[in-house]
Protein backbone atom coordinates (compact mmCIF):
# COMPACT_ATOMS: atom_id res chain seq x y z
CA MET A 1 -0.78 31.49 15.70
CA SER A 2 -3.51 34.21 16.11
CA ALA A 3 -2.64 35.79 12.88
CA THR A 4 -4.13 33.16 11.30
CA THR A 5 -7.62 34.65 12.23
CA SER A 6 -7.14 37.04 9.64
CA ILE A 7 -6.43 35.10 6.58
CA THR A 8 -9.50 34.20 4.54
CA ALA A 9 -10.24 33.23 0.99
CA GLU A 10 -10.64 36.92 0.20
CA ASN A 11 -7.26 38.06 1.01
CA ILE A 12 -5.20 34.74 0.81
CA ARG A 13 -3.36 35.88 -2.68
CA GLU A 14 -2.86 39.41 -1.34
CA LEU A 15 -1.11 38.03 1.59
CA PHE A 16 0.89 35.36 -0.21
CA PRO A 17 1.04 35.36 -4.03
CA GLU A 18 2.48 31.82 -4.37
CA VAL A 19 -1.04 30.30 -3.06
CA HIS A 20 -3.25 29.43 -5.61
CA THR A 21 -6.91 28.78 -5.67
CA THR A 22 -7.80 25.78 -8.41
CA LEU A 23 -7.27 22.25 -7.62
CA ILE A 24 -5.32 19.76 -9.49
CA GLY A 25 -7.61 18.35 -11.89
CA ALA A 26 -9.50 15.23 -11.18
CA ASP A 27 -7.82 13.33 -14.30
CA LEU A 28 -4.41 13.94 -12.80
CA PRO A 29 -2.85 11.79 -10.17
CA PRO A 30 -2.70 13.97 -6.57
CA THR A 31 0.90 14.22 -6.87
CA HIS A 32 0.62 16.19 -10.06
CA THR A 33 2.69 19.61 -9.58
CA ALA A 34 1.86 22.91 -10.86
CA ASN A 35 5.46 23.71 -11.51
CA GLY A 36 6.14 20.38 -13.19
CA ALA A 37 9.08 18.07 -12.22
CA ASN A 38 11.89 20.79 -12.19
CA GLY A 39 10.07 23.57 -10.65
CA THR A 40 12.53 23.85 -7.56
CA GLN A 41 15.48 22.21 -8.92
CA ASP A 42 17.28 25.78 -9.13
CA ASP A 43 15.92 27.09 -6.15
CA ASN A 44 18.24 28.58 -3.65
CA ASP A 45 16.30 27.82 -0.40
CA LEU A 46 16.76 24.20 -1.25
CA SER A 47 20.21 24.15 -2.83
CA GLY A 48 22.53 21.29 -1.08
CA TYR A 49 19.55 18.84 -0.41
CA ASP A 50 18.60 15.49 -1.67
CA ALA A 51 17.26 15.67 -5.25
CA GLU A 52 14.26 13.46 -4.82
CA GLN A 53 13.10 15.41 -1.52
CA ILE A 54 13.33 18.77 -3.61
CA ARG A 55 11.17 17.25 -6.24
CA LEU A 56 8.71 16.40 -3.71
CA MET A 57 8.78 20.14 -2.53
CA ASP A 58 6.43 21.04 -5.48
CA GLU A 59 3.52 18.89 -4.64
CA MET A 60 0.51 20.75 -3.75
CA CYS A 61 -0.82 21.03 -0.04
CA ILE A 62 -4.11 22.61 1.01
CA VAL A 63 -3.91 26.05 2.68
CA LEU A 64 -6.60 26.61 5.18
CA ASP A 65 -7.90 29.48 7.38
CA TYR A 66 -8.11 29.16 11.25
CA ASN A 67 -11.03 26.80 10.95
CA ASP A 68 -9.66 24.31 8.61
CA LYS A 69 -11.70 25.76 5.81
CA VAL A 70 -9.73 25.12 2.45
CA ILE A 71 -8.89 28.78 0.85
CA GLY A 72 -6.25 27.61 -1.57
CA ASN A 73 -3.13 25.77 -2.01
CA ALA A 74 0.32 25.96 -2.29
CA SER A 75 3.47 23.96 -2.66
CA LYS A 76 5.15 21.95 -0.11
CA LYS A 77 7.97 24.44 -0.05
CA ALA A 78 6.02 27.57 0.53
CA CYS A 79 4.05 26.06 3.53
CA HIS A 80 7.00 24.51 5.16
CA LEU A 81 9.07 27.87 5.05
CA MET A 82 9.12 29.93 8.32
CA THR A 83 9.06 33.20 6.69
CA ASN A 84 5.34 32.08 5.51
CA ILE A 85 4.49 30.07 8.63
CA ASN A 86 5.31 33.32 10.77
CA ASN A 87 2.88 35.15 8.95
CA GLY A 88 0.10 32.50 9.61
CA LEU A 89 0.37 30.39 6.28
CA LEU A 90 -1.39 27.30 7.68
CA HIS A 91 -1.77 23.80 5.67
CA ARG A 92 -3.60 20.31 6.12
CA ALA A 93 -1.67 17.28 7.29
CA PHE A 94 -2.42 13.80 8.71
CA SER A 95 -0.82 11.33 11.00
CA THR A 96 -1.33 7.64 11.04
CA PHE A 97 -0.76 5.45 14.01
CA LEU A 98 -0.66 1.64 12.84
CA PHE A 99 -1.10 -1.04 15.40
CA HIS A 100 -0.55 -4.85 15.02
CA PRO A 101 -3.85 -6.26 15.53
CA GLN A 102 -2.75 -9.06 17.85
CA THR A 103 0.00 -7.64 19.81
CA LYS A 104 -1.39 -4.01 19.91
CA LYS A 105 2.31 -2.55 19.20
CA LEU A 106 2.53 0.51 17.20
CA LEU A 107 4.75 0.98 14.27
CA LEU A 108 7.34 3.79 14.47
CA GLN A 109 9.59 5.12 11.79
CA GLN A 110 12.58 7.11 11.96
CA ARG A 111 12.62 9.61 9.26
CA ALA A 112 15.47 9.43 6.41
CA SER A 113 18.49 11.61 6.61
CA GLU A 114 17.78 12.93 3.27
CA LYS A 115 14.33 14.44 4.57
CA ILE A 116 14.46 18.51 4.61
CA THR A 117 12.19 19.02 7.47
CA PHE A 118 13.01 17.05 11.05
CA PRO A 119 15.41 14.49 9.42
CA ASP A 120 16.50 11.50 11.19
CA MET A 121 13.62 12.09 13.89
CA TRP A 122 11.47 9.35 15.18
CA THR A 123 7.76 9.53 14.95
CA ASN A 124 4.36 7.51 14.30
CA THR A 125 4.01 5.38 11.26
CA CYS A 126 3.30 7.94 8.79
CA CYS A 127 2.80 11.70 8.47
CA SER A 128 2.26 13.60 5.58
CA HIS A 129 -0.30 15.69 3.74
CA PRO A 130 -3.28 15.62 1.51
CA LEU A 131 -2.98 17.30 -1.50
CA ALA A 132 -4.90 19.50 -3.42
CA HIS A 133 -6.90 16.99 -5.42
CA PRO A 134 -10.82 16.36 -5.48
CA SER A 135 -9.75 12.94 -4.07
CA GLU A 136 -8.21 14.20 -1.02
CA THR A 137 -9.29 17.76 -0.36
CA GLY A 138 -12.90 17.25 0.89
CA ASN A 139 -15.91 19.14 0.24
CA GLY A 140 -15.66 21.32 3.15
CA GLU A 141 -17.32 19.20 5.54
CA LEU A 142 -15.56 17.17 8.00
CA VAL A 143 -16.69 13.72 6.79
CA SER A 144 -15.31 14.21 3.41
CA ASN A 145 -12.16 15.99 4.71
CA VAL A 146 -11.62 12.79 6.64
CA ASP A 147 -12.36 10.62 3.84
CA GLY A 148 -9.45 12.62 1.77
CA ALA A 149 -7.15 12.41 4.45
CA LYS A 150 -7.52 8.71 4.55
CA ARG A 151 -7.03 8.51 0.85
CA ALA A 152 -3.73 10.30 1.35
CA ALA A 153 -2.58 8.27 4.43
CA ILE A 154 -3.20 5.00 2.10
CA ARG A 155 -1.00 6.64 -0.95
CA LYS A 156 1.70 7.73 1.79
CA LEU A 157 1.78 4.25 3.64
CA ASP A 158 2.70 2.77 0.10
CA HIS A 159 5.18 5.56 -0.93
CA GLU A 160 7.15 5.84 2.34
CA LEU A 161 6.88 1.92 3.64
CA GLY A 162 5.70 0.05 0.95
CA ILE A 163 2.77 -1.07 2.39
CA PRO A 164 0.30 -2.34 -0.36
CA SER A 165 -3.39 -0.57 -0.29
CA LYS A 166 -4.75 -4.17 0.29
CA ASN A 167 -3.32 -4.37 3.87
CA VAL A 168 -4.52 -0.82 5.04
CA PRO A 169 -8.20 -0.67 3.33
CA PHE A 170 -9.96 2.40 3.57
CA GLU A 171 -12.70 1.30 5.89
CA LYS A 172 -10.25 0.13 8.36
CA PHE A 173 -9.22 3.55 9.24
CA GLU A 174 -10.74 5.31 12.36
CA PHE A 175 -10.53 9.36 12.68
CA LEU A 176 -10.17 10.48 15.96
CA THR A 177 -9.63 14.32 15.90
CA ARG A 178 -7.70 17.07 14.48
CA ILE A 179 -4.54 19.27 16.39
CA HIS A 180 -3.40 22.62 15.12
CA TYR A 181 0.12 23.21 16.15
CA LEU A 182 2.94 25.05 15.04
CA ALA A 183 6.78 23.79 15.41
CA PRO A 184 10.06 24.81 13.84
CA SER A 185 12.41 22.49 12.31
CA ASP A 186 15.46 24.42 11.82
CA GLY A 187 15.76 28.32 11.15
CA LYS A 188 14.28 27.89 7.84
CA TRP A 189 11.83 25.29 7.44
CA GLY A 190 8.85 23.96 9.88
CA GLU A 191 5.42 23.02 10.30
CA HIS A 192 2.14 24.72 10.89
CA GLU A 193 -0.56 22.30 10.54
CA VAL A 194 -4.00 21.22 11.13
CA ASP A 195 -3.32 17.57 11.65
CA TYR A 196 -5.80 14.78 11.18
CA ILE A 197 -5.17 11.64 13.53
CA LEU A 198 -5.87 8.28 11.89
CA PHE A 199 -5.46 4.84 13.69
CA ILE A 200 -5.57 1.63 11.79
CA GLU A 201 -4.84 -1.91 12.70
CA ALA A 202 -2.89 -4.12 10.41
CA ASP A 203 0.05 -6.51 9.93
CA PRO A 204 1.12 -5.27 6.87
CA THR A 205 3.87 -6.44 4.55
CA MET A 206 6.68 -3.49 3.99
CA ASN A 207 9.17 -2.41 1.18
CA ILE A 208 10.86 0.54 3.06
CA ASN A 209 11.58 3.56 0.60
CA GLU A 210 14.95 4.50 2.14
CA ASN A 211 15.03 7.94 0.91
CA GLU A 212 11.86 8.46 3.31
CA VAL A 213 12.64 6.14 6.14
CA LYS A 214 15.75 5.32 7.98
CA ASP A 215 14.48 2.66 10.45
CA VAL A 216 11.06 1.13 11.75
CA ARG A 217 10.30 -0.33 14.89
CA TRP A 218 7.09 -2.09 16.64
CA VAL A 219 6.71 -0.89 20.35
CA SER A 220 4.24 -1.46 23.04
CA ARG A 221 2.89 1.38 25.41
CA ASP A 222 5.54 0.53 27.86
CA GLU A 223 8.48 0.46 25.41
CA LEU A 224 7.38 3.94 24.05
CA LYS A 225 7.40 5.44 27.61
CA GLN A 226 10.96 3.95 28.21
CA MET A 227 12.22 5.29 24.97
CA PHE A 228 10.98 8.74 26.15
CA LYS A 229 12.25 8.12 29.77
CA ASP A 230 15.93 7.39 28.36
CA VAL A 231 15.94 10.64 26.41
CA GLN A 232 14.81 12.39 29.52
CA THR A 233 17.24 10.79 32.15
CA GLN A 234 20.19 10.57 29.22
CA SER A 235 20.42 7.05 30.28
CA GLY A 236 19.54 3.54 28.41
CA LYS A 237 19.73 2.60 24.85
CA ASP A 238 17.60 5.31 23.43
CA LYS A 239 18.99 8.15 25.11
CA ASP A 240 20.45 9.70 21.90
CA LEU A 241 16.83 9.35 20.01
CA LYS A 242 15.20 12.50 18.80
CA TYR A 243 11.24 12.86 18.06
CA THR A 244 9.49 15.09 15.65
CA PRO A 245 7.45 17.67 17.54
CA TRP A 246 3.83 16.55 16.50
CA PHE A 247 4.53 12.94 17.84
CA ARG A 248 5.50 14.33 21.17
CA LEU A 249 2.51 16.63 21.44
CA ILE A 250 0.31 13.61 20.86
CA CYS A 251 2.09 11.48 23.11
CA GLU A 252 1.96 13.98 26.15
CA SER A 253 -1.56 14.80 25.51
CA MET A 254 -4.09 11.68 24.74
CA LEU A 255 -1.99 8.88 22.85
CA TYR A 256 -1.66 6.32 25.67
CA GLN A 257 -5.52 6.95 26.67
CA TRP A 258 -6.53 6.44 22.93
CA TRP A 259 -4.25 3.40 22.82
CA GLU A 260 -5.52 1.78 26.13
CA ALA A 261 -9.18 2.39 24.79
CA LEU A 262 -7.89 0.22 21.30
CA GLU A 263 -6.29 -2.29 23.17
CA ASN A 264 -9.65 -2.85 25.45
CA GLY A 265 -11.91 -2.57 22.16
CA GLU A 266 -13.33 1.03 23.21
CA LEU A 267 -11.38 3.21 20.74
CA SER A 268 -15.24 4.50 19.71
CA LYS A 269 -15.25 6.56 22.83
CA TYR A 270 -12.60 8.60 21.09
CA THR A 271 -13.35 8.80 17.33
CA ASP A 272 -14.92 11.44 15.24
CA GLU A 273 -14.40 14.43 17.45
CA GLN A 274 -15.42 17.40 16.14
CA LEU A 275 -13.53 20.10 17.80
CA ILE A 276 -9.95 20.99 16.68
CA ARG A 277 -7.48 20.75 19.50
CA ARG A 278 -5.32 23.70 19.54
CA MET A 279 -1.70 22.95 20.88
């Protein structure tokens, strides 16, 4: 990932001609695309994939330098092609962890088979991207960047799981930290992200979008540990499950510690971390 240190606002367009330097207009929705609705419909890289997932590949993600500074924006497709990732293209993401306020169980989702990256894999409640729009990009300092990630989380919780915004109010989200990681999905697609970790407690209603989410499950800490153990030992009811790489990284580092603090009313010990965790 050291290649990202050389990518700047001055050379980004030379290195990646598909990167843009202007945001989506504030009068347009965050999901507005530069190419329009059919921008990738005839794209050979996307041939054979689900039509709705192809359409979403036109959404404009936030392109970053190594220190999470915004230096442009590019389509979701461009940001997830391994040819670009291998040359250092980096974008912003968020990962939301939604816990039941009484049981403190975590809501997991299984990504739909139609997904272009990491299909059928289990992961945290909602994982996606703030988009290159004034409401989600931030002003360059961490507080406004976090606010943008929270707005994106509200938007995507509705889109993927049908959770209405009133169930997940902005002020209830807690920002913990940022993780920087790179992970291939297959030979063509992958992730290279600075991922904003958000916690929220809620007991939401859901209307699952089956084009995004195949299944959901509420789990305790011990139940999640057993799920991973089943895979490791190749025994038990969950031995065949697969997990997204960012979820595995978070579970293997700090999730259980954060989760215990949440249960004990001590999450504030871990919120608003300033450093980026490099993984």
